[in-house]
């Protein structure tokens, strides 16, 4: 019987200072069914350098890249791309999780739908800090951690804006649509997004001006 070769997927995880959940994120990215994932952790200039647990530091499919300069999320993802060699590409934040079938489901949708980008749904959850507002139900996965695509198609769009404090994925996604990339969306959960007090979601009030900048760019590109 001929054995079907499994697809290789690079997973980029940006991390800066807050790494309490990083081991869980790496585990969920490595333990994917029906594909072979290669995890690239980007230490985006943490004040105390990120140190991986021994099982991940010694893992043949986990790479740690460190920037001595502080990087925003877009810049951290861009830094991970330098170490990415696989034909497929995806992202996850250091405090989020994937279900084991996540990458295989999105890859099947990518191939079956003849689309350039496959996306799923987001399920939010709390780490037990009940004072935070956790969105209920599923939401469209319009974030980097909710998509999968071929590296060649990512390169058609280009890198993330490394100066945006927020909205860098929305900006990239709009450029992808302008470049002609097509999307397909599955009903399954593509990302379990953790809500906690140190998350970007909980602390990004100061970045509102960058969201406005992204909206203005979106409108000008689509005039």
Protein backbone atom coordinates (compact mmCIF):
# COMPACT_ATOMS: atom_id res chain seq x y z
CA UNK A 1 0.00 0.00 0.00
CA UNK A 2 1.34 3.42 -0.96
CA UNK A 3 1.62 5.76 1.99
CA UNK A 4 0.35 9.28 1.37
CA UNK A 5 2.91 11.94 2.28
CA UNK A 6 1.70 14.28 5.00
CA UNK A 7 1.67 18.02 4.37
CA UNK A 8 4.22 20.15 6.24
CA UNK A 9 2.96 23.34 7.87
CA UNK A 10 4.96 26.09 9.58
CA UNK A 11 3.35 27.55 12.71
CA UNK A 12 4.62 30.93 13.91
CA UNK A 13 4.06 31.84 17.58
CA UNK A 14 5.00 35.41 18.61
CA UNK A 15 5.74 35.88 22.31
CA UNK A 16 6.93 38.85 24.35
CA UNK A 17 7.31 38.88 28.15
CA UNK A 18 4.12 36.90 28.90
CA UNK A 19 4.86 33.19 28.39
CA UNK A 20 2.72 31.53 31.07
CA UNK A 21 0.66 29.71 28.45
CA UNK A 22 3.34 29.24 25.79
CA UNK A 23 3.91 25.54 26.52
CA UNK A 24 0.22 24.80 26.03
CA UNK A 25 0.18 26.71 22.72
CA UNK A 26 3.23 24.80 21.45
CA UNK A 27 1.73 21.46 22.47
CA UNK A 28 -1.53 22.17 20.66
CA UNK A 29 0.38 23.24 17.53
CA UNK A 30 2.69 20.21 17.53
CA UNK A 31 -0.01 17.63 18.27
CA UNK A 32 -1.99 18.06 15.07
CA UNK A 33 -3.64 15.09 13.35
CA UNK A 34 -2.90 14.23 9.74
CA UNK A 35 -0.21 16.86 9.10
CA UNK A 36 3.36 17.59 10.19
CA UNK A 37 3.73 20.94 11.92
CA UNK A 38 6.97 22.84 12.51
CA UNK A 39 6.67 25.41 15.29
CA UNK A 40 8.67 28.66 15.22
CA UNK A 41 8.51 30.56 18.51
CA UNK A 42 9.56 34.20 18.13
CA UNK A 43 10.79 35.92 21.29
CA UNK A 44 9.86 39.44 20.26
CA UNK A 45 12.39 41.18 22.53
CA UNK A 46 11.26 40.02 25.97
CA UNK A 47 13.00 41.82 28.84
CA UNK A 48 13.90 38.39 30.20
CA UNK A 49 14.66 36.07 27.26
CA UNK A 50 12.11 33.30 26.70
CA UNK A 51 13.36 29.88 27.76
CA UNK A 52 11.47 26.88 26.40
CA UNK A 53 10.70 23.85 28.52
CA UNK A 54 13.32 21.13 27.86
CA UNK A 55 10.88 18.93 25.94
CA UNK A 56 10.26 21.79 23.50
CA UNK A 57 13.82 23.17 23.47
CA UNK A 58 15.04 19.73 22.40
CA UNK A 59 12.15 18.96 20.04
CA UNK A 60 13.23 18.55 16.40
CA UNK A 61 10.17 20.42 15.14
CA UNK A 62 10.38 23.42 17.48
CA UNK A 63 12.64 26.42 16.79
CA UNK A 64 13.16 29.46 19.02
CA UNK A 65 14.09 32.76 17.35
CA UNK A 66 14.92 35.81 19.46
CA UNK A 67 14.95 39.48 18.54
CA UNK A 68 17.04 41.75 20.77
CA UNK A 69 14.78 44.63 19.76
CA UNK A 70 11.21 44.89 20.93
CA UNK A 71 8.82 43.87 18.16
CA UNK A 72 5.10 44.40 17.82
CA UNK A 73 2.96 41.45 16.77
CA UNK A 74 3.30 42.04 13.03
CA UNK A 75 7.06 42.38 13.28
CA UNK A 76 7.30 39.21 15.37
CA UNK A 77 5.35 37.22 12.81
CA UNK A 78 7.56 38.63 10.06
CA UNK A 79 10.67 37.53 11.98
CA UNK A 80 9.30 33.99 12.17
CA UNK A 81 8.86 33.91 8.41
CA UNK A 82 12.63 34.02 7.96
CA UNK A 83 12.87 30.58 9.59
CA UNK A 84 9.79 29.16 7.83
CA UNK A 85 10.51 26.60 5.09
CA UNK A 86 7.28 24.60 4.70
CA UNK A 87 4.84 24.97 1.80
CA UNK A 88 1.97 25.90 4.15
CA UNK A 89 1.82 28.60 6.80
CA UNK A 90 -0.28 29.49 9.81
CA UNK A 91 -0.07 31.38 13.11
CA UNK A 92 -1.12 31.08 16.73
CA UNK A 93 -0.63 33.48 19.64
CA UNK A 94 1.27 32.28 22.71
CA UNK A 95 -1.83 32.21 24.92
CA UNK A 96 -4.22 30.44 22.54
CA UNK A 97 -4.98 26.80 21.69
CA UNK A 98 -5.92 24.59 18.75
CA UNK A 99 -7.96 21.42 18.67
CA UNK A 100 -6.02 18.41 17.25
CA UNK A 101 -7.93 18.33 13.96
CA UNK A 102 -7.61 22.06 13.30
CA UNK A 103 -4.86 22.14 10.64
CA UNK A 104 -6.11 19.05 8.78
CA UNK A 105 -9.62 20.49 8.60
CA UNK A 106 -8.39 23.81 7.20
CA UNK A 107 -6.02 22.11 4.76
CA UNK A 108 -8.86 19.93 3.43
CA UNK A 109 -11.02 23.05 3.01
CA UNK A 110 -8.18 24.80 1.21
CA UNK A 111 -7.82 21.96 -1.26
CA UNK A 112 -11.51 21.10 -1.67
CA UNK A 113 -12.64 24.70 -2.03
CA UNK A 114 -9.92 25.70 -4.47
CA UNK A 115 -9.41 28.81 -2.33
CA UNK A 116 -6.23 30.61 -1.30
CA UNK A 117 -7.04 31.08 2.40
CA UNK A 118 -8.95 28.69 4.67
CA UNK A 119 -10.53 30.04 7.84
CA UNK A 120 -12.62 28.64 10.68
CA UNK A 121 -14.40 29.81 13.81
CA UNK A 122 -13.13 31.27 17.09
CA UNK A 123 -14.22 29.96 20.48
CA UNK A 124 -13.26 32.20 23.42
CA UNK A 125 -12.49 30.85 26.88
CA UNK A 126 -11.26 32.24 30.20
CA UNK A 127 -8.36 31.07 32.33
CA UNK A 128 -10.62 31.43 35.36
CA UNK A 129 -10.47 35.19 35.81
CA UNK A 130 -14.21 35.70 36.07
CA UNK A 131 -14.03 39.50 36.04
CA UNK A 132 -13.27 39.42 32.33
CA UNK A 133 -15.96 39.46 29.68
CA UNK A 134 -15.72 36.25 27.64
CA UNK A 135 -17.63 36.39 24.31
CA UNK A 136 -20.24 33.65 23.99
CA UNK A 137 -20.74 31.33 21.03
CA UNK A 138 -18.58 31.07 17.93
CA UNK A 139 -17.24 34.02 15.98
CA UNK A 140 -15.74 34.25 12.50
CA UNK A 141 -12.02 33.52 12.64
CA UNK A 142 -10.85 36.78 11.07
CA UNK A 143 -7.51 36.68 12.91
CA UNK A 144 -4.11 35.22 12.04
CA UNK A 145 -4.71 32.24 14.32
CA UNK A 146 -7.89 31.38 12.46
CA UNK A 147 -6.40 30.89 8.99
CA UNK A 148 -4.13 28.61 6.96
CA UNK A 149 -2.67 29.24 3.52
CA UNK A 150 0.17 28.32 1.19
CA UNK A 151 3.40 30.23 1.79
CA UNK A 152 3.45 31.21 -1.88
CA UNK A 153 0.06 32.90 -1.50
CA UNK A 154 1.17 34.71 1.65
CA UNK A 155 4.14 36.05 -0.28
CA UNK A 156 1.80 37.41 -2.96
CA UNK A 157 0.43 39.76 -0.29
CA UNK A 158 3.63 40.55 1.60
CA UNK A 159 4.61 40.98 5.23
CA UNK A 160 2.52 42.30 8.11
CA UNK A 161 2.83 45.99 8.94
CA UNK A 162 5.37 45.94 11.77
CA UNK A 163 4.44 49.39 13.11
CA UNK A 164 0.78 48.75 13.92
CA UNK A 165 0.04 48.14 17.61
CA UNK A 166 -3.32 46.62 16.69
CA UNK A 167 -5.21 45.64 13.55
CA UNK A 168 -2.17 44.31 11.69
CA UNK A 169 -4.05 41.20 10.55
CA UNK A 170 -7.06 43.19 9.33
CA UNK A 171 -4.68 45.37 7.34
CA UNK A 172 -2.96 42.29 5.88
CA UNK A 173 -6.27 40.59 5.08
CA UNK A 174 -7.53 43.64 3.21
CA UNK A 175 -4.35 43.66 1.15
CA UNK A 176 -4.92 39.95 0.46
CA UNK A 177 -8.40 40.64 -0.87
CA UNK A 178 -7.12 43.51 -3.03
CA UNK A 179 -4.42 41.15 -4.37
CA UNK A 180 -7.16 38.74 -5.46
CA UNK A 181 -6.77 35.99 -2.85
CA UNK A 182 -9.96 34.01 -2.24
CA UNK A 183 -11.19 32.56 1.06
CA UNK A 184 -13.19 29.56 2.20
CA UNK A 185 -14.65 29.25 5.70
CA UNK A 186 -15.46 26.10 7.65
CA UNK A 187 -17.96 25.83 10.52
CA UNK A 188 -15.46 24.06 12.78
CA UNK A 189 -13.43 25.79 15.49
CA UNK A 190 -10.04 26.90 14.14
CA UNK A 191 -8.93 28.74 17.27
CA UNK A 192 -9.61 28.62 21.00
CA UNK A 193 -8.80 32.15 22.09
CA UNK A 194 -7.85 32.64 25.73
CA UNK A 195 -9.13 35.78 27.46
CA UNK A 196 -6.95 36.91 30.38
CA UNK A 197 -5.77 40.14 31.99
CA UNK A 198 -2.34 40.19 30.30
CA UNK A 199 -3.64 39.49 26.80
CA UNK A 200 -3.50 42.01 23.97
CA UNK A 201 -7.30 41.84 23.84
CA UNK A 202 -7.48 43.00 27.45
CA UNK A 203 -4.83 45.75 27.24
CA UNK A 204 -5.02 47.28 23.76
CA UNK A 205 -7.10 50.39 24.60
CA UNK A 206 -4.09 52.58 23.79
CA UNK A 207 -3.97 51.12 20.27
CA UNK A 208 -7.33 52.51 19.13
CA UNK A 209 -5.66 55.05 16.85
CA UNK A 210 -3.99 52.22 14.94
CA UNK A 211 -7.39 50.59 14.37
CA UNK A 212 -8.58 53.89 12.91
CA UNK A 213 -5.51 53.95 10.68
CA UNK A 214 -6.33 50.43 9.44
CA UNK A 215 -9.94 51.43 8.72
CA UNK A 216 -8.80 54.46 6.72
CA UNK A 217 -6.43 52.27 4.70
CA UNK A 218 -9.22 49.76 4.04
CA UNK A 219 -11.51 52.50 2.78
CA UNK A 220 -8.86 54.04 0.52
CA UNK A 221 -7.96 50.66 -1.04
CA UNK A 222 -11.59 49.91 -1.77
CA UNK A 223 -12.64 53.28 -3.19
